[in-house]
C-alpha cells in the first residue's frame, strides 16, 4: 500500500513538473510573436497551448532517452524519481522568480542525476548517455540556432531591402503565425516527452510495466500533453519579457528567423531522441538574429546572465534533487518521507507566492503589452 501511495505522489509530481515546464517555457514559443506584435498575448498563449498539446503525440523518441539513457533503469525507484522531480520543479520556480530563461529539460535531468547519486552512488549514472545526449547537444544546438537564424536574417534583409517597411513587417508577422505554431509543436514534441519518460520509468520501477519492453501508456501521453499545454496557457510572463525584449529589440523579420531556426533544430533533435533545451535553442536563435544585424544590437549582459543560468541548471537541480531524496529517507523507505517532503515543498511554494501576491504583481504581461 505504501508503494502505491508513493507512485501516486510521483505521478502527480511529474504532472506538476510538466505544468511548470509549460509555464516556464511559454516564452520560448511566443515571446518573439508578442514582442513584434504578430499576435496578442492571449491569442499567442492559446495558440501555443494547442500546438504543445498536439506536439506531444508526434514522437516518443525523447521519452525513451529520458527513461533509459540517463540513469540505469534497473536501479531506479519511485522515490528516486520523486527526488529528481522536486529538484526540477524547485529550479524551474527559482529561475521563473528571477525571470531567467533556464532549461526545464536540464533541470529534470540534473534532478534525476542528483537523486540517483545520493541513493545508489555514481555507478548508476549513464555518463556516456549524459555526455552524448545532453551535454553535447546543449553546446551544439544553440550555436546551430545562432548560425541559422543569423544567416536567415541576412537573406531576409537582402530579399526585402528595397520594399516598404510596413508591407515587410506585415508579411513577416503573418509568417510568425506559422513559425510560432511550428516552434510550439516542436516544444510539445520534445518537452512533454520528458515527463512521459519519467512517469513510465516510475511505472517500470513499481512493477506496473515490463522493464525489457519500453512502451508509454496512452493515459501517460494524454495526461502529459494536457499538463504542459495548461502550463503554457497560463504562461510565465516574467520570462516572456526577458526573451521578447531584453535580449534584442526585435523586428518581425528577426522574430520570424529566430522561430524558424529554432523549430528546425528542435524538431531534428526530437527525431533523433535528444532531450534538448528549447530555451537554449530559441535564445541562440534570438541572439543570432540580432548579432547578424549588428553585434551591438544584442544586450550581451543579459545574454551572459542567461548563459550563467544554463551553466548552473544541471548542478543546482542535482543538489536539490539529492537533498529531496535524502530528506525523504530520513523517515524510512515507506510513504511517510515522500508525503512530508511533498507537504514541505507545497508549503514553501505557497508562502513564496503569498509573499508575491501581498507585494503586488510584478509582471502580468510583457513589457508594454496588455495581457
Protein backbone atom coordinates (compact mmCIF):
# COMPACT_ATOMS: atom_id res chain seq x y z
CA UNK A 1 0.00 0.00 0.00
CA UNK A 2 2.85 2.40 0.86
CA UNK A 3 4.47 1.80 -2.52
CA UNK A 4 1.19 2.58 -4.28
CA UNK A 5 0.89 5.87 -2.41
CA UNK A 6 4.45 6.79 -3.41
CA UNK A 7 3.66 6.01 -7.05
CA UNK A 8 0.53 8.19 -6.97
CA UNK A 9 2.53 11.07 -5.49
CA UNK A 10 5.29 10.59 -8.09
CA UNK A 11 2.79 10.70 -10.98
CA UNK A 12 1.12 13.81 -9.53
CA UNK A 13 4.52 15.46 -9.01
CA UNK A 14 5.58 14.59 -12.55
CA UNK A 15 2.46 16.25 -13.95
CA UNK A 16 3.11 19.25 -11.69
CA UNK A 17 6.60 19.46 -13.18
CA UNK A 18 5.07 19.20 -16.66
CA UNK A 19 2.82 22.15 -15.81
CA UNK A 20 5.79 24.22 -14.59
CA UNK A 21 7.65 23.19 -17.75
CA UNK A 22 4.90 24.63 -19.92
CA UNK A 23 4.54 27.64 -17.62
CA UNK A 24 8.29 28.28 -17.58
CA UNK A 25 8.85 27.67 -21.30
CA UNK A 26 5.89 29.59 -22.75
CA UNK A 27 8.33 32.34 -23.64
CA UNK A 28 10.29 30.00 -25.89
CA UNK A 29 7.45 29.75 -28.37
CA UNK A 30 5.61 33.05 -28.16
CA UNK A 31 7.87 35.82 -26.79
CA UNK A 32 9.04 36.80 -30.26
CA UNK A 33 5.49 36.87 -31.65
CA UNK A 34 4.29 39.07 -28.80
CA UNK A 35 7.32 41.36 -28.93
CA UNK A 36 6.81 42.05 -32.65
CA UNK A 37 3.01 42.31 -32.19
CA UNK A 38 2.37 39.46 -34.59
CA UNK A 39 -0.10 38.13 -32.01
CA UNK A 40 -1.82 39.47 -28.91
CA UNK A 41 -0.61 37.85 -25.68
CA UNK A 42 -3.77 35.83 -25.08
CA UNK A 43 -4.03 34.67 -28.68
CA UNK A 44 -0.35 33.69 -28.57
CA UNK A 45 -0.63 31.56 -25.41
CA UNK A 46 -3.80 29.89 -26.68
CA UNK A 47 -2.16 29.04 -29.99
CA UNK A 48 0.94 27.77 -28.24
CA UNK A 49 -1.07 25.63 -25.80
CA UNK A 50 -2.95 23.94 -28.65
CA UNK A 51 0.20 23.12 -30.61
CA UNK A 52 2.06 22.00 -27.47
CA UNK A 53 -0.75 19.50 -26.86
CA UNK A 54 -0.62 18.27 -30.45
CA UNK A 55 3.18 18.02 -30.43
CA UNK A 56 3.15 15.55 -27.55
CA UNK A 57 1.66 12.91 -29.86
CA UNK A 58 4.22 13.27 -32.67
CA UNK A 59 7.06 11.07 -31.35
CA UNK A 60 8.25 9.08 -28.32
CA UNK A 61 12.00 9.00 -29.03
CA UNK A 62 12.86 11.58 -26.34
CA UNK A 63 10.72 9.75 -23.77
CA UNK A 64 12.80 6.62 -24.34
CA UNK A 65 16.05 8.54 -23.85
CA UNK A 66 14.90 10.08 -20.56
CA UNK A 67 13.63 6.75 -19.24
CA UNK A 68 16.61 4.64 -20.29
CA UNK A 69 19.62 6.79 -21.22
CA UNK A 70 20.39 8.98 -18.19
CA UNK A 71 20.23 6.71 -15.12
CA UNK A 72 20.28 2.89 -15.09
CA UNK A 73 16.61 1.93 -15.22
CA UNK A 74 17.11 -1.17 -13.05
CA UNK A 75 18.47 0.96 -10.21
CA UNK A 76 15.62 3.50 -10.20
CA UNK A 77 12.90 3.51 -7.55
CA UNK A 78 9.79 5.72 -7.43
CA UNK A 79 11.40 7.64 -4.54
CA UNK A 80 14.45 8.43 -6.69
CA UNK A 81 12.14 9.72 -9.42
CA UNK A 82 10.33 11.81 -6.81
CA UNK A 83 13.58 13.43 -5.64
CA UNK A 84 14.55 14.26 -9.22
CA UNK A 85 11.18 15.86 -9.90
CA UNK A 86 11.40 18.03 -6.78
CA UNK A 87 14.84 19.23 -7.92
CA UNK A 88 13.44 20.16 -11.34
CA UNK A 89 10.34 21.91 -10.03
CA UNK A 90 12.34 23.91 -7.47
CA UNK A 91 14.82 25.12 -10.10
CA UNK A 92 12.04 25.99 -12.56
CA UNK A 93 10.27 28.13 -9.98
CA UNK A 94 13.50 29.75 -8.77
CA UNK A 95 14.52 30.83 -12.27
CA UNK A 96 10.96 31.96 -13.04
CA UNK A 97 11.08 34.11 -9.88
CA UNK A 98 14.12 35.95 -11.24
CA UNK A 99 12.85 36.00 -14.83
CA UNK A 100 15.73 33.88 -16.15
CA UNK A 101 15.17 31.60 -19.17
CA UNK A 102 16.71 28.33 -17.97
CA UNK A 103 16.28 24.77 -19.21
CA UNK A 104 13.43 22.71 -17.74
CA UNK A 105 14.90 19.71 -19.54
CA UNK A 106 18.29 20.03 -17.89
CA UNK A 107 16.62 20.74 -14.55
CA UNK A 108 14.80 17.41 -14.79
CA UNK A 109 17.91 15.52 -15.88
CA UNK A 110 20.01 17.20 -13.18
CA UNK A 111 17.42 16.40 -10.53
CA UNK A 112 17.35 12.74 -11.55
CA UNK A 113 21.14 12.53 -11.54
CA UNK A 114 21.39 14.08 -8.08
CA UNK A 115 18.65 11.91 -6.59
CA UNK A 116 20.09 8.71 -8.09
CA UNK A 117 23.61 9.63 -6.98
CA UNK A 118 22.56 10.07 -3.35
CA UNK A 119 20.50 6.87 -3.44
CA UNK A 120 22.79 4.48 -5.32
CA UNK A 121 26.12 6.19 -5.97
CA UNK A 122 27.87 7.33 -9.13
CA UNK A 123 27.85 3.88 -10.74
CA UNK A 124 24.16 4.14 -11.73
CA UNK A 125 24.68 7.33 -13.75
CA UNK A 126 24.90 6.68 -17.50
CA UNK A 127 27.83 9.05 -18.03
CA UNK A 128 28.16 8.32 -21.74
CA UNK A 129 24.45 8.92 -22.25
CA UNK A 130 24.58 12.21 -20.37
CA UNK A 131 27.54 13.43 -22.42
CA UNK A 132 26.27 12.23 -25.81
CA UNK A 133 22.58 13.05 -25.43
CA UNK A 134 22.60 16.03 -23.05
CA UNK A 135 25.92 17.89 -22.81
CA UNK A 136 26.97 17.78 -26.48
CA UNK A 137 23.51 18.72 -27.84
CA UNK A 138 23.37 21.52 -25.24
CA UNK A 139 26.52 23.02 -26.75
CA UNK A 140 25.72 22.38 -30.41
CA UNK A 141 22.00 23.26 -30.55
CA UNK A 142 22.09 26.95 -29.51
CA UNK A 143 25.21 27.50 -31.61
CA UNK A 144 23.47 25.98 -34.62
CA UNK A 145 20.33 28.04 -34.00
CA UNK A 146 22.50 31.17 -33.67
CA UNK A 147 24.15 30.48 -37.04
CA UNK A 148 20.95 29.52 -38.88
CA UNK A 149 18.99 32.49 -37.54
CA UNK A 150 21.86 34.83 -38.39
CA UNK A 151 22.08 33.52 -41.95
CA UNK A 152 18.29 33.67 -42.30
CA UNK A 153 18.04 37.30 -41.25
CA UNK A 154 20.80 38.31 -43.67
CA UNK A 155 18.93 36.61 -46.51
CA UNK A 156 15.65 38.15 -45.38
CA UNK A 157 17.06 41.67 -45.30
CA UNK A 158 18.64 41.12 -48.72
CA UNK A 159 15.34 39.96 -50.24
CA UNK A 160 13.14 42.72 -48.81
CA UNK A 161 15.72 45.50 -48.57
CA UNK A 162 14.02 47.69 -51.17
CA UNK A 163 10.46 47.09 -50.01
CA UNK A 164 8.38 49.41 -47.87
CA UNK A 165 8.79 48.65 -44.12
CA UNK A 166 5.05 48.49 -43.50
CA UNK A 167 4.48 45.81 -46.12
CA UNK A 168 7.56 43.86 -45.00
CA UNK A 169 6.58 43.91 -41.34
CA UNK A 170 3.02 42.78 -42.07
CA UNK A 171 4.35 39.92 -44.17
CA UNK A 172 6.76 38.70 -41.55
CA UNK A 173 4.12 39.00 -38.82
CA UNK A 174 1.94 36.65 -40.87
CA UNK A 175 4.96 34.39 -41.25
CA UNK A 176 5.36 34.33 -37.48
CA UNK A 177 1.94 32.70 -37.17
CA UNK A 178 3.47 29.73 -38.97
CA UNK A 179 6.88 29.70 -37.27
CA UNK A 180 5.38 30.31 -33.82
CA UNK A 181 2.96 27.41 -34.29
CA UNK A 182 5.78 25.21 -35.55
CA UNK A 183 8.00 26.03 -32.58
CA UNK A 184 5.13 25.29 -30.16
CA UNK A 185 4.61 21.94 -31.90
CA UNK A 186 8.35 21.25 -31.60
CA UNK A 187 8.30 22.21 -27.91
CA UNK A 188 5.47 19.77 -27.20
CA UNK A 189 7.24 17.08 -29.18
CA UNK A 190 10.44 17.43 -27.15
CA UNK A 191 9.43 18.64 -23.70
CA UNK A 192 6.19 16.77 -22.98
CA UNK A 193 8.03 13.53 -23.72
CA UNK A 194 10.39 14.09 -20.81
CA UNK A 195 7.51 13.81 -18.37
CA UNK A 196 6.20 10.78 -20.25
CA UNK A 197 9.60 9.14 -19.87
CA UNK A 198 9.77 9.93 -16.15
CA UNK A 199 6.28 8.57 -15.41
CA UNK A 200 6.99 5.45 -17.48
CA UNK A 201 10.25 4.98 -15.58
CA UNK A 202 8.34 5.18 -12.29
CA UNK A 203 5.79 2.64 -13.54
CA UNK A 204 8.60 0.27 -14.55
CA UNK A 205 10.28 0.70 -11.14
CA UNK A 206 6.97 -0.02 -9.41
CA UNK A 207 6.42 -3.15 -11.49
CA UNK A 208 3.42 -1.92 -13.48
CA UNK A 209 5.29 -2.19 -16.79
CA UNK A 210 7.92 -4.65 -18.05
CA UNK A 211 11.49 -3.34 -17.96
CA UNK A 212 12.51 -5.01 -21.22
CA UNK A 213 9.76 -3.55 -23.42
CA UNK A 214 9.63 0.25 -23.27
CA UNK A 215 6.14 1.45 -24.09
CA UNK A 216 4.44 4.65 -22.92
CA UNK A 217 0.80 4.03 -21.88
CA UNK A 218 -1.82 6.13 -23.66
CA UNK A 219 -3.03 7.72 -20.41
CA UNK A 220 0.53 8.93 -19.73
CA UNK A 221 0.73 10.58 -23.16
CA UNK A 222 -2.64 12.30 -22.80
CA UNK A 223 -2.07 13.50 -19.23
CA UNK A 224 1.42 14.80 -20.03
CA UNK A 225 0.15 16.62 -23.13
CA UNK A 226 -2.67 18.17 -21.09
CA UNK A 227 -0.42 19.31 -18.23
CA UNK A 228 2.17 21.00 -20.45
CA UNK A 229 -0.49 22.71 -22.57
CA UNK A 230 -2.27 24.05 -19.48
CA UNK A 231 1.03 25.36 -18.12
CA UNK A 232 1.68 27.00 -21.47
CA UNK A 233 -1.72 28.66 -21.48
CA UNK A 234 -1.21 30.23 -18.04
CA UNK A 235 2.18 31.47 -19.23
CA UNK A 236 5.31 32.74 -17.50
CA UNK A 237 5.12 36.46 -18.28
CA UNK A 238 8.28 37.28 -16.36
CA UNK A 239 10.39 35.20 -18.75
CA UNK A 240 8.42 36.31 -21.81
CA UNK A 241 9.62 39.85 -21.14
CA UNK A 242 13.26 38.72 -20.96
CA UNK A 243 13.07 36.65 -24.14
CA UNK A 244 10.95 39.09 -26.12
CA UNK A 245 12.54 42.44 -25.42
CA UNK A 246 15.58 42.33 -23.14
CA UNK A 247 17.99 40.32 -25.34
CA UNK A 248 17.44 42.38 -28.51
CA UNK A 249 14.95 44.94 -29.73
CA UNK A 250 13.28 42.66 -32.21
CA UNK A 251 11.60 43.36 -35.55
CA UNK A 252 9.21 40.88 -37.27
CA UNK A 253 11.89 39.60 -39.66
CA UNK A 254 14.18 38.75 -36.74
CA UNK A 255 11.33 37.08 -34.87
CA UNK A 256 10.47 35.01 -37.94
CA UNK A 257 14.11 33.96 -38.43
CA UNK A 258 14.67 33.05 -34.78
CA UNK A 259 11.49 30.97 -34.57
CA UNK A 260 12.14 29.24 -37.89
CA UNK A 261 15.71 28.32 -36.99
CA UNK A 262 14.66 27.13 -33.53
CA UNK A 263 11.85 24.97 -34.90
CA UNK A 264 14.17 23.21 -37.33
CA UNK A 265 16.74 22.45 -34.63
CA UNK A 266 14.24 21.20 -32.02
CA UNK A 267 12.28 19.00 -34.45
CA UNK A 268 15.51 17.43 -35.69
CA UNK A 269 16.65 16.73 -32.12
CA UNK A 270 13.26 15.22 -31.23
CA UNK A 271 13.50 12.87 -34.21
CA UNK A 272 16.95 11.75 -33.04
CA UNK A 273 15.79 11.31 -29.43
CA UNK A 274 17.83 14.15 -27.89
CA UNK A 275 16.16 15.78 -24.83
CA UNK A 276 17.05 19.26 -25.99
CA UNK A 277 16.59 22.54 -24.17
CA UNK A 278 14.15 24.61 -26.21
CA UNK A 279 15.18 27.58 -24.07
CA UNK A 280 18.80 27.27 -25.20
CA UNK A 281 17.73 26.92 -28.82
CA UNK A 282 15.40 29.91 -29.07
CA UNK A 283 17.79 32.09 -27.05
CA UNK A 284 20.55 31.20 -29.51
CA UNK A 285 18.24 31.99 -32.41
CA UNK A 286 17.29 35.39 -30.98
CA UNK A 287 20.94 36.29 -30.35
CA UNK A 288 21.89 35.17 -33.86
CA UNK A 289 19.13 37.22 -35.46
CA UNK A 290 20.28 40.28 -33.52
CA UNK A 291 24.03 39.82 -33.95
CA UNK A 292 23.73 39.34 -37.73
CA UNK A 293 22.21 42.81 -37.96
CA UNK A 294 24.95 44.25 -35.76
CA UNK A 295 26.79 42.89 -32.74
CA UNK A 296 25.82 45.84 -30.57
CA UNK A 297 22.13 45.00 -31.10
CA UNK A 298 22.46 42.14 -28.59
CA UNK A 299 22.43 43.07 -24.91
CA UNK A 300 25.35 40.85 -24.03
CA UNK A 301 24.99 41.45 -20.30
CA UNK A 302 21.51 39.90 -20.35
CA UNK A 303 22.84 37.11 -22.57
CA UNK A 304 25.59 36.49 -20.01
CA UNK A 305 23.04 36.16 -17.20
CA UNK A 306 21.10 33.64 -19.29
CA UNK A 307 24.29 31.68 -20.01
CA UNK A 308 25.10 31.62 -16.29
CA UNK A 309 21.66 30.16 -15.57
CA UNK A 310 22.35 27.49 -18.22
CA UNK A 311 25.63 26.53 -16.57
CA UNK A 312 24.09 26.37 -13.08
CA UNK A 313 20.98 24.38 -14.04
CA UNK A 314 22.39 20.84 -14.02
CA UNK A 315 24.46 21.10 -10.80
CA UNK A 316 21.89 23.13 -8.83
CA UNK A 317 18.93 20.92 -9.73
CA UNK A 318 21.11 17.88 -8.98
CA UNK A 319 21.87 19.21 -5.50
CA UNK A 320 18.21 19.94 -4.81
CA UNK A 321 17.18 16.52 -6.14
CA UNK A 322 19.75 14.82 -3.91
CA UNK A 323 18.62 16.80 -0.87
CA UNK A 324 14.96 15.99 -1.57
CA UNK A 325 15.73 12.27 -1.79
CA UNK A 326 17.86 12.38 1.36
CA UNK A 327 15.13 14.18 3.32
CA UNK A 328 12.54 11.64 2.26
CA UNK A 329 14.79 8.83 3.52
CA UNK A 330 15.04 10.38 6.99
CA UNK A 331 11.60 8.92 7.63
CA UNK A 332 12.39 5.45 6.25
CA UNK A 333 11.59 3.73 2.98
CA UNK A 334 7.81 3.95 3.27
CA UNK A 335 5.48 6.70 2.02
CA UNK A 336 5.84 8.96 5.07
CA UNK A 337 9.05 10.63 3.88
CA UNK A 338 7.66 11.37 0.42
CA UNK A 339 4.48 12.81 1.95
CA UNK A 340 6.44 15.03 4.37
CA UNK A 341 8.69 16.40 1.59
CA UNK A 342 5.65 16.99 -0.65
CA UNK A 343 3.89 18.97 2.08
CA UNK A 344 7.07 20.91 2.88
CA UNK A 345 7.65 21.89 -0.75
CA UNK A 346 3.99 22.78 -1.25
CA UNK A 347 4.13 24.97 1.86
CA UNK A 348 7.27 26.77 0.68
CA UNK A 349 5.75 27.42 -2.75
CA UNK A 350 2.51 28.71 -1.19
CA UNK A 351 4.47 31.00 1.14
CA UNK A 352 6.57 32.35 -1.74
CA UNK A 353 3.56 33.05 -3.93
CA UNK A 354 1.69 34.52 -0.97
CA UNK A 355 4.55 36.97 -0.42
CA UNK A 356 4.49 37.85 -4.13
CA UNK A 357 0.73 38.50 -4.02
CA UNK A 358 0.95 40.68 -0.89
CA UNK A 359 3.64 42.78 -2.54
CA UNK A 360 1.56 43.13 -5.67
CA UNK A 361 2.04 41.58 -9.10
CA UNK A 362 5.50 42.15 -10.51
CA UNK A 363 4.83 41.47 -14.15
CA UNK A 364 1.48 40.36 -15.53
CA UNK A 365 2.28 40.77 -19.18
CA UNK A 366 5.23 41.53 -21.43
CA UNK A 367 6.71 44.99 -21.24
CA UNK A 368 4.29 47.50 -22.60
CA UNK A 369 1.76 44.89 -23.76
CA UNK A 370 -1.58 44.32 -22.07
CA UNK A 371 -2.32 40.64 -21.49
